[in-house]
Amino acid sequence: MASLPRIIPLVVASALFMENTDATVIATSLPAMAADLGQDPVILKLAFTTYLLALTVFIPVSGWCADRFGARNVFRAAIAVFTLGSIACGLSTSLEGLIAARFLQGVGGAMMVPVGRLIILRTVAKSEIVGALAMLTIPALMGPLLGPPIGGFITTYFHWRWIFWINVPVGILGMVLATLHMPDIREEGMPPLDALGFLLSGLGLSALVFGATVFGRDVLPAHGAPVLIAIGLVLTSLYVLHASRSANPILDLDLLKVATFRSGVMGGSLFRIGVGAIPFLLPLMLQLGFKLTPFQSGSLTCAAALGALTMKFTAARILKRFGFRSVLLFNAVVSAATLAVQGLFTPQTPHLLILALLLAGGFFRSLQFTSLNALSYSDIPAREMGSATSLYTVAQQLSLAVGVVCAASVLEFAQYLRGDLVLSVTDFAYAFFAVAFISALSVFSHLKLAPDAGSEVSGRGVAKVGEGA
């Protein structure tokens, strides 16, 4: 395969920058948004989960659309939709309006990032995947690094609406670069879109997660949430049955028969449940529990992104030295521990210590993500990369949404036990401990990996001929 043109990762990174900046600035600004919209801060979990649900619904068709209509066309249109959604978020004056605008952003994000990743995966040789994925996200990681302090500064000294409008110039730049440099990759002989599978999977997963999100709240009429959850279970079960009979299912569950891909999806989903809760929990705890300003909160939380950025320069060497199995097992436990430690923070904890622990946590979590991403695609044939990308990314976004739901549920249950409507620092501690425990459970998925799993990608030795046959 030809070497990857350097401009392509930069084009994709512009999209990643927008998405990651947006996710971090909204987290930092959540209490101010809740106050302005007259809502309980916890109910604004809907701003997170609605976006993630849109990703979950539309990501499965991203690979098909890219192959059918051309990667450049889909990628460029996705940036435009995301930018329009950002403008709508900044103009929203109600919870309902914000939710609708976040859904529009999610539709753009669903096509934007997966298609960009697919272009990378289809352009580089397998031996270069780790380096390409790591280097691809370096510019994008500037979003989480700059997002919290910028979002906090804007929210503290101006207005939270401006945090969405900063996406506009980046979006315009991304569309220009995509037009000039993005290859128009297509696949010949594309099968027809699995429309029935799209409806069953999208509606089923949406009903499940949205029902769980609003459970116990007065968002829907009585029994609305349990009915949604029941409908979601039925529809997702019907999809599993449909996928087993369809020649070209929109989410190819047969890919889970590949051991490395199954470990990346199953273990990665458990791990991301814990990580998905961080952008929701940490800014709320720092602002509502510790009484910090949004700017002070954002200045602390950006340390995790700095740790993640530092890791990107060492991931390939670490994996080559120790291999996927050892790294994933050890690092999952360490990452879960750094997550649980955040539950021990108090208003008296020195900010320098918080910064150091968040920096370490960001380093280890990012190493886990890079390892999971590279391992998952290590044994997937090039022809099935599109299907694998769709299934993997759906699992990723779904687990992040579940993480927000789990964290919010623990907070609400802790409030209920205390009989108090005001969040306390102790409530956040319980939530951090719960999601850290779920993340630690990911080790059981990686225990089944062979010692040389993914060796072609990690560069740690080459499997013997016939081994494992």
Foldseek 3Di string as FASTA:
>chain_A
DDDDDPLLLVLLLLLLQLVLLLLQLCLLCQVVVCVQQVHDSLLCLLLVLLLLLLLLLQLLCLLVCCQVVFLLVQQLVLLVQLLVLLLQCLVDNHSVSNSVSSSSNSPSVNNHNLSSVLLVVLPDDLQCQLLCVLVSCLSSLVSLLPNQLVSLVCVQPNNNSVSSNVSNVSSVVSSVSSVVDPGGDHDPPRDDAPVLLSVLSSQLLCLQLVLLSCPPHPPDPPPSSVVSNVSSVVSVVVSVVVLVVDPDHSQNPVLCVPLLQVLLLVLVLLQLLLVLQCSNQQSCCCCQALVDGSNVSSNQLSLLSVLLSVLSVCLLVVCQVQNLLVLLLVLLLVLLVLLLVSLVDHSPPDSVVSSVSSSVNSNSVNSNVSSSVSSNCLPPDSVCSSSSSSNRVSSNSSSSSSSSSQLSVQLVVVCVVVVHPRGYSNSSSRSSNVSSVSSNVSSVSSVPDDSCRSCSHSVRDDDDPPPPD
